[in-house]
Protein backbone atom coordinates (compact mmCIF):
# COMPACT_ATOMS: atom_id res chain seq x y z
CA UNK A 1 -40.85 -38.42 -23.04
CA UNK A 2 -39.04 -34.97 -23.82
CA UNK A 3 -37.76 -34.00 -27.12
CA UNK A 4 -34.93 -31.57 -27.68
CA UNK A 5 -36.38 -29.11 -30.29
CA UNK A 6 -34.63 -26.21 -32.05
CA UNK A 7 -35.95 -23.64 -29.55
CA UNK A 8 -34.68 -25.57 -26.48
CA UNK A 9 -31.36 -27.12 -27.96
CA UNK A 10 -29.24 -24.04 -27.83
CA UNK A 11 -30.30 -23.13 -24.22
CA UNK A 12 -29.57 -26.64 -23.09
CA UNK A 13 -26.23 -26.65 -24.98
CA UNK A 14 -25.34 -23.26 -23.32
CA UNK A 15 -26.30 -24.77 -19.80
CA UNK A 16 -23.88 -27.78 -20.46
CA UNK A 17 -21.14 -25.51 -21.59
CA UNK A 18 -21.46 -23.29 -18.80
CA UNK A 19 -22.35 -25.55 -15.78
CA UNK A 20 -21.44 -29.35 -16.37
CA UNK A 21 -17.74 -30.37 -15.85
CA UNK A 22 -15.49 -32.56 -13.90
CA UNK A 23 -12.91 -29.73 -12.97
CA UNK A 24 -10.85 -29.06 -9.89
CA UNK A 25 -10.89 -25.82 -8.10
CA UNK A 26 -7.48 -24.84 -9.50
CA UNK A 27 -8.94 -24.89 -13.15
CA UNK A 28 -11.61 -22.24 -12.93
CA UNK A 29 -9.64 -19.65 -15.01
CA UNK A 30 -8.50 -22.09 -17.53
CA UNK A 31 -11.88 -23.90 -18.04
CA UNK A 32 -13.77 -20.55 -18.26
CA UNK A 33 -11.42 -19.16 -20.96
CA UNK A 34 -11.49 -22.47 -22.87
CA UNK A 35 -15.34 -22.60 -22.67
CA UNK A 36 -15.71 -18.83 -23.59
CA UNK A 37 -17.83 -18.02 -20.59
CA UNK A 38 -18.72 -14.35 -20.12
CA UNK A 39 -21.59 -12.18 -19.10
CA UNK A 40 -24.49 -12.83 -21.45
CA UNK A 41 -23.88 -11.05 -24.88
CA UNK A 42 -20.79 -9.30 -23.79
CA UNK A 43 -16.97 -9.57 -23.34
CA UNK A 44 -17.22 -8.87 -19.64
CA UNK A 45 -16.03 -11.34 -17.10
CA UNK A 46 -18.77 -13.27 -15.30
CA UNK A 47 -18.57 -12.43 -11.61
CA UNK A 48 -19.31 -16.15 -10.56
CA UNK A 49 -19.72 -19.33 -12.50
CA UNK A 50 -20.81 -22.63 -10.96
CA UNK A 51 -19.82 -26.05 -12.40
CA UNK A 52 -21.77 -29.03 -11.49
CA UNK A 53 -19.28 -32.08 -11.17
CA UNK A 54 -21.72 -34.61 -12.66
CA UNK A 55 -22.94 -35.87 -16.01
CA UNK A 56 -25.91 -34.32 -17.84
CA UNK A 57 -27.43 -37.85 -17.12
CA UNK A 58 -27.58 -37.00 -13.45
CA UNK A 59 -28.52 -33.41 -13.75
CA UNK A 60 -31.36 -33.68 -16.30
CA UNK A 61 -33.53 -35.73 -14.03
CA UNK A 62 -33.96 -32.65 -11.65
CA UNK A 63 -36.43 -31.48 -14.26
CA UNK A 64 -38.44 -34.44 -13.49
CA UNK A 65 -38.54 -36.99 -10.63
CA UNK A 66 -34.99 -36.02 -9.39
CA UNK A 67 -36.26 -32.55 -8.48
CA UNK A 68 -39.11 -30.71 -6.80
CA UNK A 69 -40.68 -27.26 -7.28
CA UNK A 70 -38.74 -24.33 -6.04
CA UNK A 71 -40.55 -21.27 -6.98
CA UNK A 72 -40.38 -21.03 -10.70
CA UNK A 73 -37.33 -23.43 -10.68
CA UNK A 74 -36.55 -26.93 -9.79
CA UNK A 75 -34.59 -27.98 -6.72
CA UNK A 76 -32.48 -31.06 -6.76
CA UNK A 77 -33.49 -33.77 -4.33
CA UNK A 78 -29.94 -34.77 -3.60
CA UNK A 79 -26.83 -32.73 -3.08
CA UNK A 80 -24.20 -32.49 -6.00
CA UNK A 81 -20.47 -31.73 -5.95
CA UNK A 82 -19.98 -28.27 -7.34
CA UNK A 83 -17.21 -25.92 -8.05
CA UNK A 84 -17.97 -22.13 -7.58
CA UNK A 85 -15.63 -19.89 -9.57
CA UNK A 86 -15.38 -16.47 -8.29
CA UNK A 87 -13.71 -13.43 -10.26
CA UNK A 88 -10.67 -12.30 -8.58
CA UNK A 89 -9.46 -9.82 -11.19
CA UNK A 90 -10.09 -8.62 -14.69
CA UNK A 91 -13.11 -6.98 -16.22
CA UNK A 92 -13.01 -8.09 -19.77
CA UNK A 93 -11.87 -11.35 -21.48
CA UNK A 94 -9.11 -12.52 -21.82
CA UNK A 95 -8.05 -10.95 -18.46
CA UNK A 96 -10.61 -12.80 -16.18
CA UNK A 97 -9.11 -14.63 -13.42
CA UNK A 98 -10.96 -16.81 -10.96
CA UNK A 99 -10.67 -18.56 -7.65
CA UNK A 100 -12.58 -21.95 -7.29
CA UNK A 101 -14.16 -23.41 -4.11
CA UNK A 102 -15.64 -26.86 -3.88
CA UNK A 103 -18.94 -27.56 -2.01
CA UNK A 104 -21.55 -30.27 -1.79
CA UNK A 105 -24.98 -28.60 -2.02
CA UNK A 106 -28.38 -29.02 -3.58
CA UNK A 107 -28.98 -26.96 -6.66
CA UNK A 108 -31.85 -24.97 -8.22
CA UNK A 109 -32.14 -24.89 -11.93
CA UNK A 110 -34.73 -23.67 -14.56
CA UNK A 111 -35.94 -26.26 -16.94
CA UNK A 112 -37.66 -26.09 -20.34
CA UNK A 113 -39.48 -28.97 -21.87
CA UNK A 114 -37.79 -31.28 -19.41
CA UNK A 115 -34.19 -29.91 -20.11
CA UNK A 116 -32.10 -27.97 -17.76
CA UNK A 117 -31.62 -24.49 -19.37
CA UNK A 118 -30.39 -22.12 -16.58
CA UNK A 119 -28.37 -22.52 -13.30
CA UNK A 120 -30.07 -20.39 -10.59
CA UNK A 121 -27.98 -21.13 -7.40
CA UNK A 122 -26.77 -23.72 -5.00
CA UNK A 123 -28.79 -24.13 -1.78
CA UNK A 124 -26.63 -24.02 1.27
CA UNK A 125 -29.05 -24.93 3.90
CA UNK A 126 -30.90 -27.75 2.31
CA UNK A 127 -34.30 -26.18 2.72
């Protein structure tokens, strides 16, 4: 059993804010603005941001039986629907504009205490 402590909670909440959502590819700009997503500790536009189109209840198990070791990360055993938002123009918020593309891919995440805290990448070739 894993407990969400005060050290892990802010990292888990940031992961949810930045990477969990049922959005369509044409909503990247609006969703990134609404969620206040930028490069860490700055007002600069993030070059890419990936949204996992699933609930936390489906993503969290990657940190356990739903995932396997992938270097220092965890790789999902099954593919997820994702939307990858890529910066098309702008340098600083609120001028960041994004284009979205959808894919179905396995994902690699970092976990802490059984909770996802960092999205590393999607895995194209299902290695």
